Amino acid sequence: KMGIELPPLGIPVIVAGDSWIRGKGFSYDVNKQNSLESYI
């Protein structure tokens, strides 16, 4: 749930699992098109 608390502070969050914030428009979501390594 830290993923919910950090974007309001302007901190970019990369989501690798199926987190509460996935797909809400303010996280960097790891999926088949956007790998974790591409974000790093």
Full PDB file with SEQRES, HELIX, SHEET, SSBOND, CRYST1, ORIGX, SCALE, CONECT and MASTER records, all heavy atoms in Angstrom:
SEQRES   1 A   40  LYS MET GLY ILE GLU LEU PRO PRO LEU GLY ILE PRO VAL          
SEQRES   2 A   40  ILE VAL ALA GLY ASP SER TRP ILE ARG GLY LYS GLY PHE          
SEQRES   3 A   40  SER TYR ASP VAL ASN LYS GLN ASN SER LEU GLU SER TYR          
SEQRES   4 A   40  ILE                                                          
HELIX    1 AA1 MET A    2  GLU A    5  1                                   4    
HELIX    2 AA2 PRO A    7  LEU A    9  5                                   3    
HELIX    3 AA3 LEU A   36  TYR A   39  1                                   4    
SHEET    1 AA1 2 ILE A  14  VAL A  15  0                                        
SHEET    2 AA1 2 TYR A  28  ASP A  29  1                                        
CRYST1    1.000    1.000    1.000  90.00  90.00  90.00 P 1           1          
ORIGX1      1.000000  0.000000  0.000000        0.00000                         
ORIGX2      0.000000  1.000000  0.000000        0.00000                         
ORIGX3      0.000000  0.000000  1.000000        0.00000                         
SCALE1      1.000000  0.000000  0.000000        0.00000                         
SCALE2      0.000000  1.000000  0.000000        0.00000                         
SCALE3      0.000000  0.000000  1.000000        0.00000                         
ATOM      1  N   LYS A   1       0.814  -1.220   0.000  1.00  0.00           N  
ATOM      2  CA  LYS A   1       0.000   0.000   0.000  1.00  0.00           C  
ATOM      3  C   LYS A   1       0.843   1.263   0.000  1.00  0.00           C  
ATOM      4  O   LYS A   1       0.329   2.357  -0.193  1.00  0.00           O  
ATOM      5  CB  LYS A   1      -0.971  -0.021   1.174  1.00  0.00           C  
ATOM      6  CG  LYS A   1      -2.054  -1.068   0.994  1.00  0.00           C  
ATOM      7  CD  LYS A   1      -3.030  -1.055   2.151  1.00  0.00           C  
ATOM      8  CE  LYS A   1      -3.988  -2.217   2.067  1.00  0.00           C  
ATOM      9  NZ  LYS A   1      -3.449  -3.443   2.646  1.00  0.00           N  
ATOM     10  N   MET A   2       2.155   1.148   0.189  1.00  0.00           N  
ATOM     11  CA  MET A   2       3.039   2.314   0.045  1.00  0.00           C  
ATOM     12  C   MET A   2       2.844   2.935  -1.327  1.00  0.00           C  
ATOM     13  O   MET A   2       3.019   4.135  -1.502  1.00  0.00           O  
ATOM     14  CB  MET A   2       4.510   1.919   0.210  1.00  0.00           C  
ATOM     15  CG  MET A   2       4.976   1.689   1.626  1.00  0.00           C  
ATOM     16  SD  MET A   2       5.106   3.187   2.593  1.00  0.00           S  
ATOM     17  CE  MET A   2       6.518   3.966   1.838  1.00  0.00           C  
ATOM     18  N   GLY A   3       2.482   2.132  -2.299  1.00  0.00           N  
ATOM     19  CA  GLY A   3       2.248   2.639  -3.648  1.00  0.00           C  
ATOM     20  C   GLY A   3       1.155   3.696  -3.703  1.00  0.00           C  
ATOM     21  O   GLY A   3       1.187   4.581  -4.541  1.00  0.00           O  
ATOM     22  N   ILE A   4       0.188   3.618  -2.807  1.00  0.00           N  
ATOM     23  CA  ILE A   4      -0.897   4.605  -2.755  1.00  0.00           C  
ATOM     24  C   ILE A   4      -0.398   5.909  -2.130  1.00  0.00           C  
ATOM     25  O   ILE A   4      -0.810   7.000  -2.520  1.00  0.00           O  
ATOM     26  CB  ILE A   4      -2.094   4.062  -1.943  1.00  0.00           C  
ATOM     27  CG1 ILE A   4      -2.698   2.838  -2.634  1.00  0.00           C  
ATOM     28  CG2 ILE A   4      -3.152   5.146  -1.731  1.00  0.00           C  
ATOM     29  CD1 ILE A   4      -3.732   2.100  -1.807  1.00  0.00           C  
ATOM     30  N   GLU A   5       0.498   5.798  -1.172  1.00  0.00           N  
ATOM     31  CA  GLU A   5       0.913   6.950  -0.370  1.00  0.00           C  
ATOM     32  C   GLU A   5       1.969   7.828  -1.031  1.00  0.00           C  
ATOM     33  O   GLU A   5       2.096   8.995  -0.682  1.00  0.00           O  
ATOM     34  CB  GLU A   5       1.430   6.457   0.976  1.00  0.00           C  
ATOM     35  CG  GLU A   5       0.360   5.716   1.766  1.00  0.00           C  
ATOM     36  CD  GLU A   5       0.891   5.094   3.040  1.00  0.00           C  
ATOM     37  OE1 GLU A   5       1.784   5.706   3.663  1.00  0.00           O  
ATOM     38  OE2 GLU A   5       0.424   4.014   3.408  1.00  0.00           O  
ATOM     39  N   LEU A   6       2.725   7.307  -1.975  1.00  0.00           N  
ATOM     40  CA  LEU A   6       3.865   8.051  -2.521  1.00  0.00           C  
ATOM     41  C   LEU A   6       3.556   8.948  -3.719  1.00  0.00           C  
ATOM     42  O   LEU A   6       4.098  10.051  -3.794  1.00  0.00           O  
ATOM     43  CB  LEU A   6       5.005   7.080  -2.824  1.00  0.00           C  
ATOM     44  CG  LEU A   6       5.499   6.306  -1.590  1.00  0.00           C  
ATOM     45  CD1 LEU A   6       6.569   5.300  -1.982  1.00  0.00           C  
ATOM     46  CD2 LEU A   6       5.972   7.230  -0.496  1.00  0.00           C  
ATOM     47  N   PRO A   7       2.717   8.550  -4.675  1.00  0.00           N  
ATOM     48  CA  PRO A   7       2.428   9.460  -5.795  1.00  0.00           C  
ATOM     49  C   PRO A   7       1.880  10.828  -5.379  1.00  0.00           C  
ATOM     50  O   PRO A   7       2.244  11.832  -5.998  1.00  0.00           O  
ATOM     51  CB  PRO A   7       1.440   8.667  -6.661  1.00  0.00           C  
ATOM     52  CG  PRO A   7       1.799   7.240  -6.390  1.00  0.00           C  
ATOM     53  CD  PRO A   7       2.134   7.223  -4.908  1.00  0.00           C  
ATOM     54  N   PRO A   8       1.045  10.930  -4.327  1.00  0.00           N  
ATOM     55  CA  PRO A   8       0.609  12.275  -3.923  1.00  0.00           C  
ATOM     56  C   PRO A   8       1.775  13.185  -3.504  1.00  0.00           C  
ATOM     57  O   PRO A   8       1.642  14.404  -3.523  1.00  0.00           O  
ATOM     58  CB  PRO A   8      -0.330  12.004  -2.731  1.00  0.00           C  
ATOM     59  CG  PRO A   8      -0.886  10.642  -3.010  1.00  0.00           C  
ATOM     60  CD  PRO A   8       0.296   9.894  -3.601  1.00  0.00           C  
ATOM     61  N   LEU A   9       2.908  12.587  -3.167  1.00  0.00           N  
ATOM     62  CA  LEU A   9       4.102  13.352  -2.813  1.00  0.00           C  
ATOM     63  C   LEU A   9       4.972  13.645  -4.038  1.00  0.00           C  
ATOM     64  O   LEU A   9       6.045  14.217  -3.916  1.00  0.00           O  
ATOM     65  CB  LEU A   9       4.934  12.587  -1.773  1.00  0.00           C  
ATOM     66  CG  LEU A   9       4.222  12.227  -0.462  1.00  0.00           C  
ATOM     67  CD1 LEU A   9       5.102  11.356   0.407  1.00  0.00           C  
ATOM     68  CD2 LEU A   9       3.775  13.491   0.261  1.00  0.00           C  
ATOM     69  N   GLY A  10       4.498  13.211  -5.221  1.00  0.00           N  
ATOM     70  CA  GLY A  10       5.248  13.436  -6.456  1.00  0.00           C  
ATOM     71  C   GLY A  10       6.322  12.397  -6.722  1.00  0.00           C  
ATOM     72  O   GLY A  10       7.175  12.598  -7.579  1.00  0.00           O  
ATOM     73  N   ILE A  11       6.288  11.283  -5.999  1.00  0.00           N  
ATOM     74  CA  ILE A  11       7.301  10.235  -6.151  1.00  0.00           C  
ATOM     75  C   ILE A  11       6.812   9.205  -7.168  1.00  0.00           C  
ATOM     76  O   ILE A  11       5.762   8.581  -6.963  1.00  0.00           O  
ATOM     77  CB  ILE A  11       7.597   9.566  -4.798  1.00  0.00           C  
ATOM     78  CG1 ILE A  11       8.107  10.614  -3.797  1.00  0.00           C  
ATOM     79  CG2 ILE A  11       8.586   8.416  -4.963  1.00  0.00           C  
ATOM     80  CD1 ILE A  11       8.156  10.145  -2.359  1.00  0.00           C  
ATOM     81  N   PRO A  12       7.552   9.004  -8.276  1.00  0.00           N  
ATOM     82  CA  PRO A  12       7.159   7.997  -9.264  1.00  0.00           C  
ATOM     83  C   PRO A  12       7.214   6.587  -8.674  1.00  0.00           C  
ATOM     84  O   PRO A  12       8.178   6.233  -7.992  1.00  0.00           O  
ATOM     85  CB  PRO A  12       8.193   8.142 -10.375  1.00  0.00           C  
ATOM     86  CG  PRO A  12       8.844   9.464 -10.151  1.00  0.00           C  
ATOM     87  CD  PRO A  12       8.751   9.724  -8.679  1.00  0.00           C  
ATOM     88  N   VAL A  13       6.168   5.801  -8.927  1.00  0.00           N  
ATOM     89  CA  VAL A  13       6.089   4.436  -8.426  1.00  0.00           C  
ATOM     90  C   VAL A  13       5.967   3.469  -9.601  1.00  0.00           C  
ATOM     91  O   VAL A  13       5.069   3.601 -10.434  1.00  0.00           O  
ATOM     92  CB  VAL A  13       4.892   4.248  -7.465  1.00  0.00           C  
ATOM     93  CG1 VAL A  13       4.757   2.789  -7.033  1.00  0.00           C  
ATOM     94  CG2 VAL A  13       5.040   5.156  -6.245  1.00  0.00           C  
ATOM     95  N   ILE A  14       6.888   2.510  -9.644  1.00  0.00           N  
ATOM     96  CA  ILE A  14       6.846   1.421 -10.614  1.00  0.00           C  
ATOM     97  C   ILE A  14       6.128   0.265  -9.925  1.00  0.00           C  
ATOM     98  O   ILE A  14       6.540  -0.175  -8.852  1.00  0.00           O  
ATOM     99  CB  ILE A  14       8.268   0.987 -11.032  1.00  0.00           C  
ATOM    100  CG1 ILE A  14       9.029   2.169 -11.642  1.00  0.00           C  
ATOM    101  CG2 ILE A  14       8.206  -0.203 -11.998  1.00  0.00           C  
ATOM    102  CD1 ILE A  14      10.527   1.912 -11.804  1.00  0.00           C  
ATOM    103  N   VAL A  15       5.049  -0.219 -10.539  1.00  0.00           N  
ATOM    104  CA  VAL A  15       4.243  -1.288  -9.964  1.00  0.00           C  
ATOM    105  C   VAL A  15       4.535  -2.581 -10.714  1.00  0.00           C  
ATOM    106  O   VAL A  15       4.286  -2.675 -11.913  1.00  0.00           O  
ATOM    107  CB  VAL A  15       2.738  -0.947 -10.056  1.00  0.00           C  
ATOM    108  CG1 VAL A  15       1.894  -2.102  -9.556  1.00  0.00           C  
ATOM    109  CG2 VAL A  15       2.435   0.324  -9.282  1.00  0.00           C  
ATOM    110  N   ALA A  16       5.056  -3.580  -9.985  1.00  0.00           N  
ATOM    111  CA  ALA A  16       5.412  -4.840 -10.623  1.00  0.00           C  
ATOM    112  C   ALA A  16       4.370  -5.934 -10.398  1.00  0.00           C  
ATOM    113  O   ALA A  16       4.323  -6.898 -11.141  1.00  0.00           O  
ATOM    114  CB  ALA A  16       6.776  -5.317 -10.120  1.00  0.00           C  
ATOM    115  N   GLY A  17       3.549  -5.794  -9.382  1.00  0.00           N  
ATOM    116  CA  GLY A  17       2.485  -6.756  -9.110  1.00  0.00           C  
ATOM    117  C   GLY A  17       1.143  -6.139  -9.436  1.00  0.00           C  
ATOM    118  O   GLY A  17       1.065  -5.082 -10.057  1.00  0.00           O  
ATOM    119  N   ASP A  18       0.097  -6.801  -9.005  1.00  0.00           N  
ATOM    120  CA  ASP A  18      -1.241  -6.263  -9.256  1.00  0.00           C  
ATOM    121  C   ASP A  18      -1.682  -5.440  -8.055  1.00  0.00           C  
ATOM    122  O   ASP A  18      -2.539  -5.839  -7.279  1.00  0.00           O  
ATOM    123  CB  ASP A  18      -2.216  -7.393  -9.575  1.00  0.00           C  
ATOM    124  CG  ASP A  18      -1.918  -7.998 -10.927  1.00  0.00           C  
ATOM    125  OD1 ASP A  18      -1.481  -7.237 -11.806  1.00  0.00           O  
ATOM    126  OD2 ASP A  18      -2.094  -9.200 -11.099  1.00  0.00           O  
ATOM    127  N   SER A  19      -1.058  -4.292  -7.933  1.00  0.00           N  
ATOM    128  CA  SER A  19      -1.277  -3.392  -6.817  1.00  0.00           C  
ATOM    129  C   SER A  19      -2.577  -2.615  -6.961  1.00  0.00           C  
ATOM    130  O   SER A  19      -3.132  -2.521  -8.057  1.00  0.00           O  
ATOM    131  CB  SER A  19      -0.097  -2.415  -6.745  1.00  0.00           C  
ATOM    132  OG  SER A  19      -0.271  -1.484  -5.726  1.00  0.00           O  
ATOM    133  N   TRP A  20      -3.008  -2.011  -5.853  1.00  0.00           N  
ATOM    134  CA  TRP A  20      -4.221  -1.195  -5.847  1.00  0.00           C  
ATOM    135  C   TRP A  20      -4.148  -0.053  -6.862  1.00  0.00           C  
ATOM    136  O   TRP A  20      -5.169   0.378  -7.377  1.00  0.00           O  
ATOM    137  CB  TRP A  20      -4.448  -0.604  -4.456  1.00  0.00           C  
ATOM    138  CG  TRP A  20      -4.628  -1.622  -3.386  1.00  0.00           C  
ATOM    139  CD1 TRP A  20      -3.705  -2.031  -2.468  1.00  0.00           C  
ATOM    140  CD2 TRP A  20      -5.808  -2.392  -3.114  1.00  0.00           C  
ATOM    141  NE1 TRP A  20      -4.231  -2.996  -1.648  1.00  0.00           N  
ATOM    142  CE2 TRP A  20      -5.525  -3.232  -2.031  1.00  0.00           C  
ATOM    143  CE3 TRP A  20      -7.073  -2.442  -3.697  1.00  0.00           C  
ATOM    144  CZ2 TRP A  20      -6.455  -4.110  -1.498  1.00  0.00           C  
ATOM    145  CZ3 TRP A  20      -8.001  -3.327  -3.161  1.00  0.00           C  
ATOM    146  CH2 TRP A  20      -7.701  -4.145  -2.082  1.00  0.00           C  
ATOM    147  N   ILE A  21      -2.948   0.466  -7.127  1.00  0.00           N  
ATOM    148  CA  ILE A  21      -2.843   1.643  -8.006  1.00  0.00           C  
ATOM    149  C   ILE A  21      -2.613   1.286  -9.476  1.00  0.00           C  
ATOM    150  O   ILE A  21      -2.643   2.176 -10.323  1.00  0.00           O  
ATOM    151  CB  ILE A  21      -1.735   2.612  -7.525  1.00  0.00           C  
ATOM    152  CG1 ILE A  21      -0.349   1.998  -7.621  1.00  0.00           C  
ATOM    153  CG2 ILE A  21      -2.041   3.106  -6.126  1.00  0.00           C  
ATOM    154  CD1 ILE A  21       0.779   3.006  -7.385  1.00  0.00           C  
ATOM    155  N   ARG A  22      -2.423   0.022  -9.784  1.00  0.00           N  
ATOM    156  CA  ARG A  22      -2.186  -0.380 -11.175  1.00  0.00           C  
ATOM    157  C   ARG A  22      -3.326   0.120 -12.077  1.00  0.00           C  
ATOM    158  O   ARG A  22      -4.495  -0.033 -11.759  1.00  0.00           O  
ATOM    159  CB  ARG A  22      -2.069  -1.901 -11.284  1.00  0.00           C  
ATOM    160  CG  ARG A  22      -1.888  -2.388 -12.721  1.00  0.00           C  
ATOM    161  CD  ARG A  22      -1.816  -3.890 -12.822  1.00  0.00           C  
ATOM    162  NE  ARG A  22      -0.509  -4.393 -12.451  1.00  0.00           N  
ATOM    163  CZ  ARG A  22       0.561  -4.356 -13.233  1.00  0.00           C  
ATOM    164  NH1 ARG A  22       0.481  -3.823 -14.432  1.00  0.00           N  
ATOM    165  NH2 ARG A  22       1.705  -4.840 -12.831  1.00  0.00           N  
ATOM    166  N   GLY A  23      -2.930   0.736 -13.174  1.00  0.00           N  
ATOM    167  CA  GLY A  23      -3.907   1.146 -14.174  1.00  0.00           C  
ATOM    168  C   GLY A  23      -4.737   2.365 -13.829  1.00  0.00           C  
ATOM    169  O   GLY A  23      -5.690   2.681 -14.542  1.00  0.00           O  
ATOM    170  N   LYS A  24      -4.354   3.079 -12.786  1.00  0.00           N  
ATOM    171  CA  LYS A  24      -5.143   4.249 -12.378  1.00  0.00           C  
ATOM    172  C   LYS A  24      -4.641   5.544 -13.018  1.00  0.00           C  
ATOM    173  O   LYS A  24      -5.212   6.598 -12.821  1.00  0.00           O  
ATOM    174  CB  LYS A  24      -5.134   4.404 -10.849  1.00  0.00           C  
ATOM    175  CG  LYS A  24      -5.694   3.220 -10.088  1.00  0.00           C  
ATOM    176  CD  LYS A  24      -7.170   3.028 -10.348  1.00  0.00           C  
ATOM    177  CE  LYS A  24      -7.811   2.005  -9.453  1.00  0.00           C  
ATOM    178  NZ  LYS A  24      -7.530   0.621  -9.740  1.00  0.00           N  
ATOM    179  N   GLY A  25      -3.525   5.478 -13.764  1.00  0.00           N  
ATOM    180  CA  GLY A  25      -3.052   6.654 -14.488  1.00  0.00           C  
ATOM    181  C   GLY A  25      -1.955   7.446 -13.813  1.00  0.00           C  
ATOM    182  O   GLY A  25      -1.553   8.485 -14.318  1.00  0.00           O  
ATOM    183  N   PHE A  26      -1.457   6.961 -12.672  1.00  0.00           N  
ATOM    184  CA  PHE A  26      -0.388   7.698 -11.999  1.00  0.00           C  
ATOM    185  C   PHE A  26       0.730   6.790 -11.502  1.00  0.00           C  
ATOM    186  O   PHE A  26       1.506   7.154 -10.634  1.00  0.00           O  
ATOM    187  CB  PHE A  26      -0.941   8.548 -10.841  1.00  0.00           C  
ATOM    188  CG  PHE A  26      -1.784   7.788  -9.851  1.00  0.00           C  
ATOM    189  CD1 PHE A  26      -1.191   7.128  -8.776  1.00  0.00           C  
ATOM    190  CD2 PHE A  26      -3.158   7.746  -9.981  1.00  0.00           C  
ATOM    191  CE1 PHE A  26      -1.959   6.435  -7.868  1.00  0.00           C  
ATOM    192  CE2 PHE A  26      -3.946   7.056  -9.071  1.00  0.00           C  
ATOM    193  CZ  PHE A  26      -3.343   6.398  -8.012  1.00  0.00           C  
ATOM    194  N   SER A  27       0.827   5.597 -12.088  1.00  0.00           N  
ATOM    195  CA  SER A  27       1.932   4.691 -11.769  1.00  0.00           C  
ATOM    196  C   SER A  27       2.546   4.180 -13.069  1.00  0.00           C  
ATOM    197  O   SER A  27       1.948   4.290 -14.141  1.00  0.00           O  
ATOM    198  CB  SER A  27       1.437   3.517 -10.919  1.00  0.00           C  
ATOM    199  OG  SER A  27       0.459   2.765 -11.630  1.00  0.00           O  
ATOM    200  N   TYR A  28       3.746   3.654 -12.957  1.00  0.00           N  
ATOM    201  CA  TYR A  28       4.424   3.019 -14.088  1.00  0.00           C  
ATOM    202  C   TYR A  28       4.226   1.521 -13.923  1.00  0.00           C  
ATOM    203  O   TYR A  28       4.840   0.905 -13.058  1.00  0.00           O  
ATOM    204  CB  TYR A  28       5.905   3.397 -14.111  1.00  0.00           C  
ATOM    205  CG  TYR A  28       6.114   4.848 -14.479  1.00  0.00           C  
ATOM    206  CD1 TYR A  28       6.144   5.847 -13.513  1.00  0.00           C  
ATOM    207  CD2 TYR A  28       6.254   5.209 -15.815  1.00  0.00           C  
ATOM    208  CE1 TYR A  28       6.321   7.180 -13.867  1.00  0.00           C  
ATOM    209  CE2 TYR A  28       6.435   6.543 -16.179  1.00  0.00           C  
ATOM    210  CZ  TYR A  28       6.460   7.520 -15.193  1.00  0.00           C  
ATOM    211  OH  TYR A  28       6.627   8.834 -15.557  1.00  0.00           O  
ATOM    212  N   ASP A  29       3.342   0.950 -14.717  1.00  0.00           N  
ATOM    213  CA  ASP A  29       2.942  -0.435 -14.552  1.00  0.00           C  
ATOM    214  C   ASP A  29       3.774  -1.386 -15.402  1.00  0.00           C  
ATOM    215  O   ASP A  29       3.870  -1.222 -16.619  1.00  0.00           O  
ATOM    216  CB  ASP A  29       1.464  -0.592 -14.920  1.00  0.00           C  
ATOM    217  CG  ASP A  29       0.550   0.287 -14.082  1.00  0.00           C  
ATOM    218  OD1 ASP A  29       0.974   0.723 -12.994  1.00  0.00           O  
ATOM    219  OD2 ASP A  29      -0.594   0.526 -14.517  1.00  0.00           O  
ATOM    220  N   VAL A  30       4.355  -2.381 -14.739  1.00  0.00           N  
ATOM    221  CA  VAL A  30       5.108  -3.419 -15.431  1.00  0.00           C  
ATOM    222  C   VAL A  30       4.098  -4.382 -16.048  1.00  0.00           C  
ATOM    223  O   VAL A  30       3.192  -4.867 -15.381  1.00  0.00           O  
ATOM    224  CB  VAL A  30       6.043  -4.173 -14.447  1.00  0.00           C  
ATOM    225  CG1 VAL A  30       6.723  -5.349 -15.138  1.00  0.00           C  
ATOM    226  CG2 VAL A  30       7.065  -3.215 -13.848  1.00  0.00           C  
ATOM    227  N   ASN A  31       4.246  -4.598 -17.344  1.00  0.00           N  
ATOM    228  CA  ASN A  31       3.397  -5.561 -18.045  1.00  0.00           C  
ATOM    229  C   ASN A  31       4.198  -6.129 -19.208  1.00  0.00           C  
ATOM    230  O   ASN A  31       5.400  -5.893 -19.310  1.00  0.00           O  
ATOM    231  CB  ASN A  31       2.084  -4.907 -18.502  1.00  0.00           C  
ATOM    232  CG  ASN A  31       2.311  -3.649 -19.319  1.00  0.00           C  
ATOM    233  OD1 ASN A  31       3.208  -3.601 -20.162  1.00  0.00           O  
ATOM    234  ND2 ASN A  31       1.516  -2.627 -19.067  1.00  0.00           N  
ATOM    235  N   LYS A  32       3.556  -6.867 -20.069  1.00  0.00           N  
ATOM    236  CA  LYS A  32       4.289  -7.495 -21.176  1.00  0.00           C  
ATOM    237  C   LYS A  32       4.919  -6.471 -22.121  1.00  0.00           C  
ATOM    238  O   LYS A  32       5.952  -6.720 -22.706  1.00  0.00           O  
ATOM    239  CB  LYS A  32       3.368  -8.445 -21.924  1.00  0.00           C  
ATOM    240  CG  LYS A  32       3.034  -9.689 -21.126  1.00  0.00           C  
ATOM    241  CD  LYS A  32       2.079 -10.608 -21.880  1.00  0.00           C  
ATOM    242  CE  LYS A  32       1.804 -11.880 -21.135  1.00  0.00           C  
ATOM    243  NZ  LYS A  32       1.084 -11.715 -19.882  1.00  0.00           N  
ATOM    244  N   GLN A  33       4.302  -5.293 -22.230  1.00  0.00           N  
ATOM    245  CA  GLN A  33       4.838  -4.264 -23.118  1.00  0.00           C  
ATOM    246  C   GLN A  33       5.926  -3.419 -22.442  1.00  0.00           C  
ATOM    247  O   GLN A  33       6.843  -2.949 -23.097  1.00  0.00           O  
ATOM    248  CB  GLN A  33       3.723  -3.323 -23.606  1.00  0.00           C  
ATOM    249  CG  GLN A  33       2.688  -3.961 -24.484  1.00  0.00           C  
ATOM    250  CD  GLN A  33       1.677  -4.795 -23.707  1.00  0.00           C  
ATOM    251  OE1 GLN A  33       1.318  -4.468 -22.588  1.00  0.00           O  
ATOM    252  NE2 GLN A  33       1.248  -5.891 -24.314  1.00  0.00           N  
ATOM    253  N   ASN A  34       5.780  -3.185 -21.160  1.00  0.00           N  
ATOM    254  CA  ASN A  34       6.721  -2.336 -20.417  1.00  0.00           C  
ATOM    255  C   ASN A  34       7.381  -3.153 -19.316  1.00  0.00           C  
ATOM    256  O   ASN A  34       6.815  -3.313 -18.241  1.00  0.00           O  
ATOM    257  CB  ASN A  34       5.988  -1.145 -19.788  1.00  0.00           C  
ATOM    258  CG  ASN A  34       5.339  -0.266 -20.828  1.00  0.00           C  
ATOM    259  OD1 ASN A  34       6.004   0.210 -21.730  1.00  0.00           O  
ATOM    260  ND2 ASN A  34       4.044  -0.066 -20.707  1.00  0.00           N  
ATOM    261  N   SER A  35       8.559  -3.646 -19.597  1.00  0.00           N  
ATOM    262  CA  SER A  35       9.232  -4.495 -18.626  1.00  0.00           C  
ATOM    263  C   SER A  35       9.833  -3.658 -17.505  1.00  0.00           C  
ATOM    264  O   SER A  35      10.077  -2.458 -17.651  1.00  0.00           O  
ATOM    265  CB  SER A  35      10.333  -5.306 -19.300  1.00  0.00           C  
ATOM    266  OG  SER A  35      11.419  -4.456 -19.655  1.00  0.00           O  
ATOM    267  N   LEU A  36      10.082  -4.314 -16.389  1.00  0.00           N  
ATOM    268  CA  LEU A  36      10.735  -3.655 -15.265  1.00  0.00           C  
ATOM    269  C   LEU A  36      12.083  -3.090 -15.709  1.00  0.00           C  
ATOM    270  O   LEU A  36      12.418  -1.958 -15.382  1.00  0.00           O  
ATOM    271  CB  LEU A  36      10.908  -4.643 -14.104  1.00  0.00           C  
ATOM    272  CG  LEU A  36      11.575  -4.106 -12.852  1.00  0.00           C  
ATOM    273  CD1 LEU A  36      10.852  -2.890 -12.302  1.00  0.00           C  
ATOM    274  CD2 LEU A  36      11.655  -5.201 -11.805  1.00  0.00           C  
ATOM    275  N   GLU A  37      12.815  -3.848 -16.496  1.00  0.00           N  
ATOM    276  CA  GLU A  37      14.119  -3.367 -16.942  1.00  0.00           C  
ATOM    277  C   GLU A  37      14.006  -2.108 -17.803  1.00  0.00           C  
ATOM    278  O   GLU A  37      14.830  -1.211 -17.703  1.00  0.00           O  
ATOM    279  CB  GLU A  37      14.901  -4.441 -17.695  1.00  0.00           C  
ATOM    280  CG  GLU A  37      16.287  -3.948 -18.042  1.00  0.00           C  
ATOM    281  CD  GLU A  37      17.269  -5.040 -18.401  1.00  0.00           C  
ATOM    282  OE1 GLU A  37      16.859  -6.198 -18.580  1.00  0.00           O  
ATOM    283  OE2 GLU A  37      18.466  -4.715 -18.504  1.00  0.00           O  
ATOM    284  N   SER A  38      12.972  -2.001 -18.621  1.00  0.00           N  
ATOM    285  CA  SER A  38      12.840  -0.791 -19.442  1.00  0.00           C  
ATOM    286  C   SER A  38      12.614   0.435 -18.566  1.00  0.00           C  
ATOM    287  O   SER A  38      13.129   1.514 -18.872  1.00  0.00           O  
ATOM    288  CB  SER A  38      11.728  -0.942 -20.484  1.00  0.00           C  
ATOM    289  OG  SER A  38      10.448  -0.957 -19.890  1.00  0.00           O  
ATOM    290  N   TYR A  39      11.878   0.283 -17.487  1.00  0.00           N  
ATOM    291  CA  TYR A  39      11.693   1.416 -16.566  1.00  0.00           C  
ATOM    292  C   TYR A  39      13.010   1.773 -15.870  1.00  0.00           C  
ATOM    293  O   TYR A  39      13.320   2.955 -15.705  1.00  0.00           O  
ATOM    294  CB  TYR A  39      10.616   1.119 -15.526  1.00  0.00           C  
ATOM    295  CG  TYR A  39       9.212   1.135 -16.090  1.00  0.00           C  
ATOM    296  CD1 TYR A  39       8.330   0.099 -15.835  1.00  0.00           C  
ATOM    297  CD2 TYR A  39       8.758   2.196 -16.871  1.00  0.00           C  
ATOM    298  CE1 TYR A  39       7.037   0.103 -16.339  1.00  0.00           C  
ATOM    299  CE2 TYR A  39       7.471   2.213 -17.378  1.00  0.00           C  
ATOM    300  CZ  TYR A  39       6.617   1.167 -17.111  1.00  0.00           C  
ATOM    301  OH  TYR A  39       5.337   1.185 -17.610  1.00  0.00           O  
ATOM    302  N   ILE A  40      13.769   0.774 -15.465  1.00  0.00           N  
ATOM    303  CA  ILE A  40      15.061   1.029 -14.800  1.00  0.00           C  
ATOM    304  C   ILE A  40      16.016   1.702 -15.789  1.00  0.00           C  
ATOM    305  O   ILE A  40      16.692   2.673 -15.458  1.00  0.00           O  
ATOM    306  CB  ILE A  40      15.680  -0.275 -14.244  1.00  0.00           C  
ATOM    307  CG1 ILE A  40      14.743  -0.922 -13.222  1.00  0.00           C  
ATOM    308  CG2 ILE A  40      17.062  -0.029 -13.667  1.00  0.00           C  
ATOM    309  CD1 ILE A  40      14.332  -0.041 -12.079  1.00  0.00           C  
TER     310      ILE A  40                                                      
MASTER        0    0    0    3    2    0    0    6  309    1    0    4          
END                                                                             
